[in-house]
Amino acid sequence: MQLAKFLAVYHLRAENVVDDISELTFRQLQSGKISVLFKGNLRQSFSNELGTVTVKGTVTQRV
């Protein structure tokens, strides 16, 4: 899960999607799924204001 978190942060920053990541958690669930929580500030190209986004959900783990 450490690698998944590293890659998520890398891609969000490298693609200039977010300016700031305030929270990113992955949690293994018993059903073979992973719970994901992301909170951060989106990059605003044409504005000085930051847009805040929260994403919470589950994904199926691929082996």
Protein backbone atom coordinates (compact mmCIF):
# COMPACT_ATOMS: atom_id res chain seq x y z
CA MET A 1 0.00 0.00 0.00
CA GLN A 2 2.98 2.32 0.49
CA LEU A 3 3.79 2.08 -3.21
CA ALA A 4 0.17 2.82 -4.15
CA LYS A 5 0.17 5.95 -2.00
CA PHE A 6 3.51 7.09 -3.41
CA LEU A 7 2.33 6.60 -7.00
CA ALA A 8 -0.97 8.39 -6.35
CA VAL A 9 0.82 11.42 -4.88
CA TYR A 10 3.37 11.40 -7.68
CA HIS A 11 0.77 11.37 -10.45
CA LEU A 12 -1.49 13.96 -8.83
CA ARG A 13 1.46 16.33 -8.46
CA ALA A 14 3.27 15.52 -11.73
CA GLU A 15 0.12 16.08 -13.79
CA ASN A 16 -0.54 19.40 -11.96
CA VAL A 17 -3.93 18.20 -10.77
CA VAL A 18 -3.52 19.41 -7.18
CA ASP A 19 -1.58 22.10 -5.36
CA ASP A 20 -1.86 20.48 -1.95
CA ILE A 21 -2.80 17.05 -0.59
CA SER A 22 -4.12 17.33 2.95
CA GLU A 23 -5.16 13.69 3.37
CA LEU A 24 -4.68 10.47 1.41
CA THR A 25 -5.44 7.16 3.07
CA PHE A 26 -5.78 3.62 1.80
CA ARG A 27 -7.30 0.90 3.99
CA GLN A 28 -7.50 -2.82 3.17
CA LEU A 29 -11.04 -4.17 3.60
CA GLN A 30 -11.87 -7.83 4.23
CA SER A 31 -13.80 -8.16 0.97
CA GLY A 32 -10.66 -7.78 -1.15
CA LYS A 33 -11.37 -4.12 -1.72
CA ILE A 34 -9.48 -1.00 -0.71
CA SER A 35 -11.06 2.04 0.90
CA VAL A 36 -9.68 5.35 -0.40
CA LEU A 37 -9.99 8.83 1.12
CA PHE A 38 -8.50 11.86 -0.59
CA LYS A 39 -8.71 15.52 0.42
CA GLY A 40 -6.82 18.25 -1.33
CA ASN A 41 -6.77 21.58 -3.11
CA LEU A 42 -7.17 21.55 -6.88
CA ARG A 43 -4.91 23.61 -9.08
CA GLN A 44 -6.80 26.60 -10.45
CA SER A 45 -5.30 27.80 -13.73
CA PHE A 46 -7.26 31.03 -14.14
CA SER A 47 -8.07 32.00 -10.57
CA ASN A 48 -6.27 32.84 -7.35
CA GLU A 49 -8.77 30.79 -5.34
CA LEU A 50 -8.21 27.13 -4.53
CA GLY A 51 -10.92 24.57 -5.13
CA THR A 52 -11.13 21.93 -2.43
CA VAL A 53 -12.04 18.36 -3.33
CA THR A 54 -12.87 15.30 -1.22
CA VAL A 55 -13.07 11.83 -2.73
CA LYS A 56 -14.14 8.81 -0.70
CA GLY A 57 -14.84 5.35 -2.07
CA THR A 58 -13.75 1.77 -2.55
CA VAL A 59 -11.85 0.07 -5.36
CA THR A 60 -11.28 -3.58 -6.17
CA GLN A 61 -7.72 -4.71 -5.57
CA ARG A 62 -5.98 -6.11 -8.62
CA VAL A 63 -3.37 -8.79 -8.08
